[in-house]
Amino acid sequence: MAMFNEAVLLQESSLPGDLAVPARARGLVLFAHGSGSSRLSERNRWVARALQRQRLATLLFDLLTPIEAQDRHHVFDITLLGQRVQEATRWARQRADTAGLPVCLFGASTGAAAALVAAADRPQDIAAVVSRGGRPDLAQGHLHRVQAPTLLIVGGDDVDVLELNHWALGQLRCTKRLEVVPGATHLFEEPGALESVAALAAEWFLTHLPAPAGT
């Protein structure tokens, strides 16, 4: 499969990112990582490679600068993190190779809340959202405004987070679904767990992307 890979810099905040664009890409998935992680997260990079095989471009980027990341307040500042996701969306709209691609969001842990805040604030820009082991409850003031179809994926043994996701599902007013991966814990480290996440995410994104022009 032909693939274009590039290390990039999002201009507004000088945030580094890694962009991969497969040939005839159908959409672009922006990854919002969780607290204590970065664009180098092996789990997110594994999911990104799986999505690329489904002709989905991916952008993994840091939500905070190294100096900002040293302040734990910033790590849990969902408003700021949501703004950074919106910044990444604007950046993608300005590139010739991604400008025409529908944008989807994949958020993990606190990054899921940031993705939902961005989707609520910029409904015209986001085609679909997937949360992996996310904390959508941290976006509680925004959930009722999310319009993008939203999939919440939680490990069956991640008991506390599963309860929070059930609550968040009830707050969402968009097309929505909660998928539980049996036997998986918060990081989906169990055999086959991450494969399930990637398959569920790819199906959700491809189902809810706009039909290609001319079809």
Protein backbone atom coordinates (compact mmCIF):
# COMPACT_ATOMS: atom_id res chain seq x y z
CA MET A 1 0.00 0.00 0.00
CA ALA A 2 1.44 3.39 -0.99
CA MET A 3 1.89 5.61 2.05
CA PHE A 4 3.08 9.15 2.67
CA ASN A 5 4.60 9.71 6.13
CA GLU A 6 5.78 13.02 7.50
CA ALA A 7 6.90 14.49 10.82
CA VAL A 8 5.02 17.76 11.13
CA LEU A 9 4.74 20.82 13.36
CA LEU A 10 1.37 22.39 14.13
CA GLN A 11 2.13 26.06 13.76
CA GLU A 12 -0.09 27.75 16.37
CA SER A 13 1.46 26.05 19.40
CA SER A 14 4.53 24.41 17.84
CA LEU A 15 3.15 20.96 18.67
CA PRO A 16 4.97 18.06 16.96
CA GLY A 17 3.00 15.41 15.13
CA ASP A 18 3.30 12.40 12.85
CA LEU A 19 1.12 12.36 9.74
CA ALA A 20 0.53 9.28 7.57
CA VAL A 21 -1.58 9.51 4.40
CA PRO A 22 -2.29 6.29 2.47
CA ALA A 23 -3.10 6.38 -1.23
CA ARG A 24 -6.75 7.24 -1.94
CA ALA A 25 -7.38 8.03 1.72
CA ARG A 26 -11.06 8.18 2.67
CA GLY A 27 -10.70 10.25 5.82
CA LEU A 28 -8.30 11.58 8.44
CA VAL A 29 -8.23 10.36 12.05
CA LEU A 30 -6.75 12.71 14.65
CA PHE A 31 -5.48 10.96 17.80
CA ALA A 32 -5.87 12.65 21.20
CA HIS A 33 -3.78 10.75 23.73
CA GLY A 34 -4.41 10.51 27.45
CA SER A 35 -2.58 11.96 30.44
CA GLY A 36 0.98 10.74 30.86
CA SER A 37 1.20 9.77 27.19
CA SER A 38 2.17 11.42 23.91
CA ARG A 39 2.08 10.96 20.15
CA LEU A 40 4.62 8.17 20.72
CA SER A 41 2.09 5.99 22.55
CA GLU A 42 2.67 2.46 21.25
CA ARG A 43 -1.01 1.54 21.67
CA ASN A 44 -2.24 4.50 19.65
CA ARG A 45 0.44 3.99 17.01
CA TRP A 46 -0.61 0.35 16.67
CA VAL A 47 -4.24 1.38 16.18
CA ALA A 48 -3.14 4.08 13.72
CA ARG A 49 -1.32 1.52 11.57
CA ALA A 50 -4.44 -0.67 11.54
CA LEU A 51 -6.55 2.30 10.41
CA GLN A 52 -4.06 3.18 7.69
CA ARG A 53 -4.59 -0.27 6.21
CA GLN A 54 -8.25 0.70 5.88
CA ARG A 55 -7.29 3.80 3.81
CA LEU A 56 -7.63 6.19 6.73
CA ALA A 57 -4.97 8.87 7.13
CA THR A 58 -3.79 9.42 10.71
CA LEU A 59 -2.32 12.30 12.67
CA LEU A 60 -0.78 11.59 16.07
CA PHE A 61 0.25 14.81 17.78
CA ASP A 62 1.20 16.09 21.21
CA LEU A 63 -1.54 18.03 22.97
CA LEU A 64 0.92 19.96 25.15
CA THR A 65 4.40 21.42 24.77
CA PRO A 66 7.12 19.83 26.95
CA ILE A 67 6.98 22.79 29.35
CA GLU A 68 3.18 22.65 29.58
CA ALA A 69 3.27 18.91 30.22
CA GLN A 70 5.30 19.47 33.38
CA ASP A 71 2.28 21.18 34.98
CA ARG A 72 -0.29 18.56 36.05
CA HIS A 73 -3.01 21.21 35.86
CA HIS A 74 -2.53 21.39 32.10
CA VAL A 75 -2.67 17.61 31.77
CA PHE A 76 -6.24 17.66 33.04
CA ASP A 77 -7.30 20.99 31.52
CA ILE A 78 -9.93 19.53 29.19
CA THR A 79 -10.84 22.95 27.78
CA LEU A 80 -7.22 23.57 26.73
CA LEU A 81 -6.83 20.05 25.36
CA GLY A 82 -10.05 20.43 23.38
CA GLN A 83 -8.71 23.65 21.89
CA ARG A 84 -5.56 21.84 20.81
CA VAL A 85 -7.64 19.20 19.01
CA GLN A 86 -9.48 22.01 17.21
CA GLU A 87 -6.12 23.55 16.31
CA ALA A 88 -5.01 20.27 14.77
CA THR A 89 -8.25 20.15 12.78
CA ARG A 90 -7.66 23.66 11.43
CA TRP A 91 -4.07 22.73 10.56
CA ALA A 92 -5.25 19.69 8.59
CA ARG A 93 -7.75 21.84 6.69
CA GLN A 94 -4.90 24.02 5.44
CA ARG A 95 -2.81 21.21 3.92
CA ALA A 96 -3.37 20.29 0.30
CA ASP A 97 -3.12 16.55 0.98
CA THR A 98 -5.62 16.50 3.87
CA ALA A 99 -7.85 19.52 3.25
CA GLY A 100 -10.54 17.49 1.48
CA LEU A 101 -10.61 14.58 3.93
CA PRO A 102 -13.44 14.24 6.47
CA VAL A 103 -11.98 14.45 9.99
CA CYS A 104 -12.59 11.84 12.69
CA LEU A 105 -11.30 11.83 16.26
CA PHE A 106 -9.85 8.96 18.29
CA GLY A 107 -9.40 9.76 21.97
CA ALA A 108 -7.88 7.69 24.77
CA SER A 109 -8.37 8.32 28.50
CA THR A 110 -8.53 12.12 29.06
CA GLY A 111 -7.95 12.59 25.33
CA ALA A 112 -11.45 11.23 24.74
CA ALA A 113 -12.88 14.15 26.72
CA ALA A 114 -10.76 16.57 24.67
CA ALA A 115 -12.04 14.98 21.45
CA LEU A 116 -15.66 15.33 22.59
CA VAL A 117 -15.16 18.96 23.57
CA ALA A 118 -13.74 19.66 20.11
CA ALA A 119 -16.62 17.78 18.46
CA ALA A 120 -19.16 19.77 20.49
CA ASP A 121 -17.55 23.13 19.70
CA ARG A 122 -16.93 22.46 15.98
CA PRO A 123 -19.76 20.13 14.89
CA GLN A 124 -19.33 21.00 11.23
CA ASP A 125 -15.71 19.79 11.27
CA ILE A 126 -15.99 16.32 12.83
CA ALA A 127 -17.46 13.26 11.09
CA ALA A 128 -17.18 10.72 13.92
CA VAL A 129 -15.60 10.12 17.33
CA VAL A 130 -14.20 6.97 18.98
CA SER A 131 -13.18 6.77 22.64
CA ARG A 132 -10.82 4.01 23.86
CA GLY A 133 -10.87 3.49 27.61
CA GLY A 134 -11.88 7.12 27.73
CA ARG A 135 -13.09 9.55 30.34
CA PRO A 136 -15.98 11.16 28.45
CA ASP A 137 -17.45 12.18 31.81
CA LEU A 138 -14.76 14.89 31.99
CA ALA A 139 -16.52 16.60 29.07
CA GLN A 140 -19.81 16.56 30.94
CA GLY A 141 -20.77 20.15 30.13
CA HIS A 142 -20.36 19.47 26.41
CA LEU A 143 -21.76 15.99 25.85
CA HIS A 144 -25.30 17.09 25.02
CA ARG A 145 -23.95 19.29 22.19
CA VAL A 146 -21.94 16.58 20.41
CA GLN A 147 -23.44 15.85 16.99
CA ALA A 148 -20.82 13.49 15.55
CA PRO A 149 -21.63 9.77 15.84
CA THR A 150 -19.74 8.59 18.93
CA LEU A 151 -18.49 5.12 19.86
CA LEU A 152 -17.33 4.43 23.42
CA ILE A 153 -15.04 1.37 23.76
CA VAL A 154 -14.32 0.13 27.29
CA GLY A 155 -12.65 -2.96 28.71
CA GLY A 156 -15.00 -5.30 30.51
CA ASP A 157 -12.66 -5.45 33.51
CA ASP A 158 -12.18 -1.67 33.64
CA VAL A 159 -15.06 -1.46 36.09
CA ASP A 160 -14.89 2.17 37.25
CA VAL A 161 -14.34 3.58 33.76
CA LEU A 162 -17.12 1.39 32.39
CA GLU A 163 -19.55 2.92 34.87
CA LEU A 164 -18.47 6.44 33.87
CA ASN A 165 -18.97 5.57 30.20
CA HIS A 166 -22.47 4.27 30.86
CA TRP A 167 -23.25 7.63 32.47
CA ALA A 168 -21.73 9.58 29.57
CA LEU A 169 -23.66 7.50 27.04
CA GLY A 170 -26.87 8.69 28.67
CA GLN A 171 -25.80 12.33 28.28
CA LEU A 172 -25.00 12.09 24.57
CA ARG A 173 -27.79 13.09 22.16
CA CYS A 174 -26.06 11.99 18.95
CA THR A 175 -25.85 8.61 17.24
CA LYS A 176 -23.99 6.61 19.89
CA ARG A 177 -22.93 3.15 21.02
CA LEU A 178 -21.03 1.57 23.90
CA GLU A 179 -18.89 -1.47 23.08
CA VAL A 180 -17.41 -3.58 25.90
CA VAL A 181 -14.33 -5.69 25.13
CA PRO A 182 -14.65 -8.76 27.40
CA GLY A 183 -11.73 -9.38 29.74
CA ALA A 184 -9.89 -6.19 28.80
CA THR A 185 -8.51 -3.77 31.37
CA HIS A 186 -7.90 -0.04 31.02
CA LEU A 187 -4.87 -0.26 28.73
CA PHE A 188 -6.20 -3.12 26.56
CA GLU A 189 -2.97 -5.05 27.05
CA GLU A 190 -4.63 -8.47 26.98
CA PRO A 191 -4.18 -10.70 23.90
CA GLY A 192 -6.55 -9.62 21.14
CA ALA A 193 -7.92 -6.61 23.05
CA LEU A 194 -6.24 -3.92 20.98
CA GLU A 195 -7.14 -5.77 17.79
CA SER A 196 -10.78 -5.54 18.86
CA VAL A 197 -10.42 -1.81 19.48
CA ALA A 198 -8.89 -1.24 16.03
CA ALA A 199 -11.57 -3.28 14.27
CA LEU A 200 -14.40 -1.51 16.10
CA ALA A 201 -12.90 1.93 15.45
CA ALA A 202 -12.32 1.27 11.74
CA GLU A 203 -15.86 0.01 11.27
CA TRP A 204 -17.30 3.03 13.08
CA PHE A 205 -15.28 5.57 11.13
CA LEU A 206 -15.89 3.97 7.74
CA THR A 207 -19.61 3.62 8.43
CA HIS A 208 -20.04 7.27 9.33
CA LEU A 209 -17.75 8.92 6.80
CA PRO A 210 -19.53 10.81 4.01
CA ALA A 211 -19.79 8.82 0.80
CA PRO A 212 -16.94 9.59 -1.63
CA ALA A 213 -17.77 12.14 -4.31
CA GLY A 214 -19.41 10.61 -7.37
CA THR A 215 -20.99 7.65 -5.58
